[in-house]
Protein backbone atom coordinates (compact mmCIF):
# COMPACT_ATOMS: atom_id res chain seq x y z
CA UNK A 1 130.80 73.26 44.51
CA UNK A 2 129.61 72.37 48.01
CA UNK A 3 132.14 74.77 49.52
CA UNK A 4 131.00 77.52 47.15
CA UNK A 5 127.36 76.98 48.10
CA UNK A 6 128.22 77.08 51.79
CA UNK A 7 130.20 80.33 51.39
CA UNK A 8 127.37 81.95 49.48
CA UNK A 9 124.87 81.04 52.20
CA UNK A 10 127.15 82.50 54.86
CA UNK A 11 127.52 85.73 52.89
CA UNK A 12 123.79 85.97 52.28
CA UNK A 13 122.51 85.13 55.72
CA UNK A 14 125.20 86.11 58.19
CA UNK A 15 126.91 89.32 57.03
CA UNK A 16 126.80 90.64 60.59
CA UNK A 17 129.36 88.00 61.62
CA UNK A 18 132.05 90.14 60.03
CA UNK A 19 133.36 93.07 62.01
CA UNK A 20 132.16 96.43 60.67
CA UNK A 21 135.55 97.86 61.64
CA UNK A 22 137.06 95.96 58.74
CA UNK A 23 135.62 98.18 56.03
CA UNK A 24 137.00 96.24 53.09
CA UNK A 25 135.68 92.88 54.34
CA UNK A 26 132.35 94.39 55.28
CA UNK A 27 132.00 96.02 51.85
CA UNK A 28 132.81 92.74 50.09
CA UNK A 29 130.28 90.92 52.22
CA UNK A 30 127.49 93.35 51.46
CA UNK A 31 128.47 93.57 47.80
CA UNK A 32 128.22 89.79 47.42
CA UNK A 33 125.00 89.64 49.42
CA UNK A 34 123.41 92.23 47.11
CA UNK A 35 124.75 90.42 44.08
CA UNK A 36 123.05 87.16 44.95
CA UNK A 37 119.84 88.53 46.44
CA UNK A 38 119.06 90.79 43.49
CA UNK A 39 121.53 91.63 40.77
CA UNK A 40 120.64 95.21 39.93
CA UNK A 41 121.85 96.52 36.60
CA UNK A 42 123.32 100.00 36.30
CA UNK A 43 124.43 102.47 33.65
CA UNK A 44 127.38 104.70 34.57
CA UNK A 45 128.20 107.76 32.46
CA UNK A 46 131.29 109.91 32.81
CA UNK A 47 131.37 113.52 31.64
CA UNK A 48 133.55 115.31 29.11
CA UNK A 49 131.50 118.26 27.90
CA UNK A 50 130.41 117.83 24.29
CA UNK A 51 132.27 114.52 24.15
CA UNK A 52 129.19 113.36 26.04
CA UNK A 53 127.34 113.26 22.73
CA UNK A 54 129.22 110.00 22.15
CA UNK A 55 127.43 108.66 25.23
CA UNK A 56 124.15 110.10 23.90
CA UNK A 57 124.60 108.04 20.73
CA UNK A 58 125.24 104.90 22.77
CA UNK A 59 122.16 105.57 24.90
CA UNK A 60 119.88 106.17 21.92
CA UNK A 61 120.78 102.78 20.43
CA UNK A 62 120.03 101.10 23.76
CA UNK A 63 116.72 102.95 24.05
CA UNK A 64 115.78 101.95 20.51
CA UNK A 65 116.44 98.33 21.47
CA UNK A 66 114.34 98.58 24.62
CA UNK A 67 117.28 97.99 26.97
CA UNK A 68 116.38 98.92 30.53
CA UNK A 69 118.46 99.37 33.64
CA UNK A 70 117.50 99.33 37.29
CA UNK A 71 119.44 102.56 37.79
CA UNK A 72 121.86 104.99 36.23
CA UNK A 73 124.32 107.59 37.45
CA UNK A 74 125.80 110.46 35.47
CA UNK A 75 128.60 112.92 36.00
CA UNK A 76 128.56 116.39 34.42
CA UNK A 77 127.53 115.93 30.77
CA UNK A 78 126.73 112.34 31.70
CA UNK A 79 124.00 113.69 33.97
CA UNK A 80 122.85 116.48 31.64
CA UNK A 81 122.48 114.13 28.66
CA UNK A 82 121.78 110.96 30.64
CA UNK A 83 118.54 112.21 32.18
CA UNK A 84 117.01 111.77 28.72
CA UNK A 85 117.35 108.01 29.18
CA UNK A 86 114.98 108.06 32.14
CA UNK A 87 112.55 110.34 30.27
CA UNK A 88 113.01 108.13 27.16
CA UNK A 89 113.63 111.03 24.78
CA UNK A 90 115.68 109.64 21.92
CA UNK A 91 117.75 112.18 20.04
CA UNK A 92 116.99 115.07 22.37
CA UNK A 93 120.57 115.66 23.58
CA UNK A 94 121.86 115.97 20.02
CA UNK A 95 118.84 117.94 18.83
CA UNK A 96 119.01 120.83 21.27
CA UNK A 97 122.80 121.04 21.20
CA UNK A 98 122.71 121.48 17.42
CA UNK A 99 119.70 123.79 17.47
CA UNK A 100 121.25 126.17 19.99
CA UNK A 101 124.91 125.70 19.05
CA UNK A 102 125.16 129.20 17.59
CA UNK A 103 122.81 130.87 20.05
CA UNK A 104 124.87 133.36 22.09
CA UNK A 105 122.40 132.95 24.95
CA UNK A 106 123.28 129.24 25.23
CA UNK A 107 127.05 129.05 25.58
CA UNK A 108 130.26 130.62 24.36
CA UNK A 109 132.66 133.46 24.99
CA UNK A 110 129.91 136.08 24.82
CA UNK A 111 128.02 134.30 27.58
CA UNK A 112 131.23 133.99 29.59
CA UNK A 113 131.88 137.72 29.22
CA UNK A 114 128.40 138.79 30.28
CA UNK A 115 127.63 136.20 32.98
CA UNK A 116 130.99 134.86 34.12
CA UNK A 117 129.86 131.41 32.96
CA UNK A 118 130.65 129.62 29.73
CA UNK A 119 127.18 128.03 29.73
CA UNK A 120 124.26 130.29 30.55
CA UNK A 121 122.74 128.42 33.50
CA UNK A 122 119.26 129.91 33.39
CA UNK A 123 118.89 129.59 29.63
CA UNK A 124 120.51 126.17 29.18
CA UNK A 125 119.08 124.41 32.23
CA UNK A 126 115.69 126.08 32.58
CA UNK A 127 114.50 127.98 29.50
CA UNK A 128 115.42 125.26 27.00
CA UNK A 129 114.00 122.23 28.87
CA UNK A 130 110.82 123.99 30.00
CA UNK A 131 110.02 126.14 26.96
CA UNK A 132 112.09 125.47 23.83
CA UNK A 133 112.87 121.73 23.75
CA UNK A 134 110.57 120.35 26.41
CA UNK A 135 111.96 117.80 28.83
CA UNK A 136 109.33 115.15 29.57
CA UNK A 137 109.04 115.43 33.35
CA UNK A 138 106.07 113.06 33.48
CA UNK A 139 107.90 110.27 31.68
CA UNK A 140 110.93 110.84 33.91
CA UNK A 141 108.83 110.46 37.06
CA UNK A 142 106.93 107.44 35.73
CA UNK A 143 110.05 105.48 34.83
CA UNK A 144 111.02 103.30 37.84
CA UNK A 145 114.71 103.43 36.91
CA UNK A 146 116.69 105.20 39.63
CA UNK A 147 118.61 108.28 38.50
CA UNK A 148 121.59 109.69 40.39
CA UNK A 149 124.13 112.37 39.60
CA UNK A 150 127.41 113.51 41.09
CA UNK A 151 128.52 116.98 42.15
CA UNK A 152 131.58 118.21 44.02
CA UNK A 153 131.30 120.21 47.23
CA UNK A 154 133.44 123.28 46.54
CA UNK A 155 134.30 123.71 50.22
CA UNK A 156 135.31 120.13 50.99
CA UNK A 157 136.40 118.81 47.60
CA UNK A 158 134.30 115.69 48.26
CA UNK A 159 131.68 114.11 46.00
CA UNK A 160 127.99 114.73 46.64
CA UNK A 161 125.56 112.14 45.26
CA UNK A 162 121.97 113.14 44.57
CA UNK A 163 119.01 110.98 43.57
CA UNK A 164 116.36 112.64 41.43
CA UNK A 165 112.93 111.01 41.22
CA UNK A 166 111.12 114.00 39.72
CA UNK A 167 112.24 117.05 37.77
CA UNK A 168 111.41 120.58 38.86
CA UNK A 169 113.42 123.81 39.07
CA UNK A 170 115.59 122.54 41.92
CA UNK A 171 116.26 119.22 40.21
CA UNK A 172 117.44 121.07 37.11
CA UNK A 173 119.74 123.09 39.35
CA UNK A 174 121.27 119.81 40.54
CA UNK A 175 121.92 118.84 36.92
CA UNK A 176 123.47 122.26 36.34
CA UNK A 177 125.66 121.87 39.39
CA UNK A 178 126.91 118.48 38.23
CA UNK A 179 128.05 120.06 34.94
CA UNK A 180 129.42 123.35 36.34
CA UNK A 181 133.03 123.27 35.18
CA UNK A 182 135.43 125.13 37.47
CA UNK A 183 137.00 128.39 36.23
CA UNK A 184 134.14 128.94 33.76
CA UNK A 185 131.17 128.42 36.12
CA UNK A 186 129.97 129.81 39.42
CA UNK A 187 129.29 127.25 42.17
CA UNK A 188 125.60 126.36 42.42
CA UNK A 189 124.13 126.77 45.90
CA UNK A 190 121.90 123.88 46.96
CA UNK A 191 121.02 122.45 50.38
CA UNK A 192 123.56 124.65 52.11
CA UNK A 193 126.41 123.61 49.81
CA UNK A 194 128.33 125.28 47.01
CA UNK A 195 128.55 122.73 44.21
CA UNK A 196 130.69 122.30 41.12
CA UNK A 197 131.30 119.67 38.44
CA UNK A 198 131.08 116.12 39.79
CA UNK A 199 134.04 115.02 37.71
CA UNK A 200 136.38 116.87 40.06
CA UNK A 201 135.75 114.44 42.91
CA UNK A 202 134.37 111.28 41.28
CA UNK A 203 134.81 111.11 37.52
CA UNK A 204 133.67 107.50 37.04
CA UNK A 205 131.40 106.63 40.00
CA UNK A 206 131.35 102.86 39.53
CA UNK A 207 132.48 102.11 43.09
CA UNK A 208 129.71 104.27 44.51
CA UNK A 209 127.07 102.59 42.37
CA UNK A 210 128.31 99.16 43.40
CA UNK A 211 128.00 100.22 47.03
CA UNK A 212 124.40 101.20 46.20
CA UNK A 213 123.75 97.59 45.18
CA UNK A 214 124.25 97.86 41.41
CA UNK A 215 126.34 94.76 40.83
CA UNK A 216 126.27 94.55 37.02
CA UNK A 217 127.11 97.77 35.22
CA UNK A 218 127.60 99.21 31.78
CA UNK A 219 130.13 102.07 31.93
CA UNK A 220 130.33 104.52 29.03
CA UNK A 221 133.56 106.50 28.75
CA UNK A 222 134.33 109.38 26.40
CA UNK A 223 138.05 108.63 26.15
CA UNK A 224 139.52 105.70 24.18
CA UNK A 225 140.95 102.52 25.64
CA UNK A 226 144.48 103.06 26.91
CA UNK A 227 143.90 106.73 27.72
CA UNK A 228 145.87 108.05 30.70
CA UNK A 229 145.00 111.38 32.24
CA UNK A 230 147.83 113.80 32.94
CA UNK A 231 147.97 116.56 35.51
CA UNK A 232 146.08 119.58 34.25
CA UNK A 233 148.16 122.42 32.86
CA UNK A 234 145.63 124.92 34.22
CA UNK A 235 146.82 124.73 37.84
CA UNK A 236 148.22 128.31 37.75
CA UNK A 237 144.71 129.51 36.82
CA UNK A 238 143.17 127.48 39.64
CA UNK A 239 145.59 129.04 42.13
CA UNK A 240 144.76 132.48 40.75
CA UNK A 241 140.97 132.30 40.40
CA UNK A 242 139.89 129.58 42.85
CA UNK A 243 141.66 130.84 45.97
CA UNK A 244 138.34 130.93 47.80
CA UNK A 245 138.08 127.17 47.33
CA UNK A 246 141.41 125.58 48.36
CA UNK A 247 139.88 122.11 48.42
CA UNK A 248 139.00 122.43 44.74
CA UNK A 249 142.59 123.43 43.99
CA UNK A 250 143.78 120.40 45.92
CA UNK A 251 141.31 118.07 44.20
CA UNK A 252 142.23 119.35 40.74
CA UNK A 253 145.94 118.90 41.43
CA UNK A 254 145.25 115.23 42.24
CA UNK A 255 142.46 114.55 39.77
CA UNK A 256 144.65 112.73 37.26
CA UNK A 257 145.67 110.26 39.96
CA UNK A 258 142.06 109.67 40.99
CA UNK A 259 140.96 109.21 37.38
CA UNK A 260 143.73 106.78 36.49
CA UNK A 261 143.00 104.77 39.63
CA UNK A 262 139.38 104.54 38.53
CA UNK A 263 140.46 103.32 35.09
CA UNK A 264 142.51 100.57 36.74
CA UNK A 265 139.49 99.63 38.84
CA UNK A 266 137.35 99.44 35.69
CA UNK A 267 139.79 97.00 34.11
CA UNK A 268 139.68 94.87 37.24
CA UNK A 269 135.88 94.81 37.23
CA UNK A 270 135.84 93.90 33.53
CA UNK A 271 138.02 90.88 34.26
CA UNK A 272 135.64 89.83 37.04
CA UNK A 273 132.83 89.86 34.50
CA UNK A 274 130.51 92.26 36.31
CA UNK A 275 131.20 95.33 34.16
CA UNK A 276 131.21 96.18 30.46
CA UNK A 277 133.11 99.30 29.44
CA UNK A 278 132.16 101.08 26.22
CA UNK A 279 134.54 103.69 24.84
CA UNK A 280 135.41 105.31 21.50
CA UNK A 281 137.94 103.54 19.31
CA UNK A 282 140.06 106.70 19.03
CA UNK A 283 140.29 110.11 20.67
CA UNK A 284 137.08 111.91 19.81
CA UNK A 285 137.63 114.77 17.32
CA UNK A 286 135.86 117.26 19.52
CA UNK A 287 136.55 119.52 22.48
CA UNK A 288 134.56 120.03 25.66
CA UNK A 289 132.98 123.22 24.33
CA UNK A 290 132.64 122.37 20.63
CA UNK A 291 129.78 124.18 18.88
CA UNK A 292 130.17 123.09 15.25
CA UNK A 293 126.98 121.17 14.34
CA UNK A 294 128.68 118.74 11.95
CA UNK A 295 131.25 117.76 14.59
CA UNK A 296 128.56 117.33 17.24
CA UNK A 297 126.59 114.99 14.97
CA UNK A 298 129.72 113.06 13.98
CA UNK A 299 130.60 112.27 17.59
CA UNK A 300 127.00 111.24 18.27
CA UNK A 301 127.09 108.89 15.27
CA UNK A 302 130.36 107.38 16.51
CA UNK A 303 128.56 106.51 19.74
CA UNK A 304 125.75 104.84 17.82
CA UNK A 305 128.23 102.81 15.76
CA UNK A 306 130.09 101.55 18.83
CA UNK A 307 126.83 100.69 20.59
CA UNK A 308 125.70 98.63 17.60
CA UNK A 309 129.00 96.74 17.67
CA UNK A 310 128.45 95.92 21.36
CA UNK A 311 124.70 95.38 21.16
CA UNK A 312 124.68 91.59 21.42
CA UNK A 313 127.16 91.68 24.30
CA UNK A 314 125.12 94.34 26.12
CA UNK A 315 121.84 92.45 25.66
CA UNK A 316 123.30 89.17 26.92
CA UNK A 317 124.90 90.94 29.86
CA UNK A 318 121.70 92.71 30.91
CA UNK A 319 119.64 89.52 30.61
CA UNK A 320 122.19 87.38 32.41
CA UNK A 321 120.67 85.15 35.08
CA UNK A 322 122.13 85.51 38.57
CA UNK A 323 122.67 81.73 38.68
CA UNK A 324 125.36 82.13 36.02
CA UNK A 325 127.54 84.28 38.28
CA UNK A 326 130.47 82.56 39.95
CA UNK A 327 132.25 83.38 43.18
C-alpha cells in the first residue's frame, strides 16, 4: 500500500523524469497522471451505417436516465447520430431516418445515380437538420460535454480528429465527412484536406480518447461479441475507382487488421476495469444502407433493450470514485 502510494505520487508529480523518447512509458505516465488528477468519462461510438441506430437506442436510454459524460467521440454514423447526445434530442436519429427512408432526395440508388453519392450530402446534412427535423444548435453549444469526431485524410490515409463546440454549416460538413463512405461518396474538402469516412483509419478511437485524458469509457459497438473483421471483398473496386487516392486503397486493404487489433485492445481495457463495451447479442439484422422503417426501428429497440440490461453497471461505472481505482 505504501509502495503504491509512493508510485502514484511519482506519476502525478514528476512525469518529466521519464524520457519523452520512450513513447510508451511517457504515454503510460501521462495516462496515469490524468487518471488520478481527474478521471474524465467518455462515450466512444463506432460507425456501421444504419447499424448505428443500435447505438442511438443505447444513447436514448442513457439520456432518459440523465447519464452524462465529460466527452464523446463518434466515427461515421457514430458521429452523425451521436451529436444528438450533446444536443439532448432523444429519438431524433430514429425519427428522421424513418421519416425520410423512402425519400429519393435522402439516400438510395437514385441519389447515387444523380449525384455520385449514396447519401445526398446537401439534403441529409443541411436541409434536414436546419429545415425539416431541426437540430438544436443552442442546446449543443450549451452542453459542456466535449464532442469529437473522426475523419480519414484521403491523401495520407491517416485519421483526422475534430472537436466541435458549436454547429454551423462547416460543422455539419465535418459530420458529413466523417460518414462519407468510400466508393459511394465524394471526399469532403475542409481545411485544405480531402476527407472520407473516419472508420477507414480509426474505427474504434478508444486509444485516441484515452490520450485526450478520458480514462473511463463506455464503448458502443454495432457488431456482436466475438466478431472478427475479414478483408473486404471490394478491393478490386477500390483499385478501379480510388486510384487517385492510393493511401485509401492501402488503408482499406489493411483495415481488417487495424479493426481486429482495436477489438483486442478493447478486451484488454475491459479486463483493466476502465472500459465497458456494449454490443448487440447477435449480428444485427440490418445492412449499412437499410431503408425499411420496421427494420430501422427494430435495431433501435435492440439497442434500448441492451442498454437497459447494462443500466446498473453503466450508472455505477460513471459514478465510480477515483479512490476506488487501483494501480
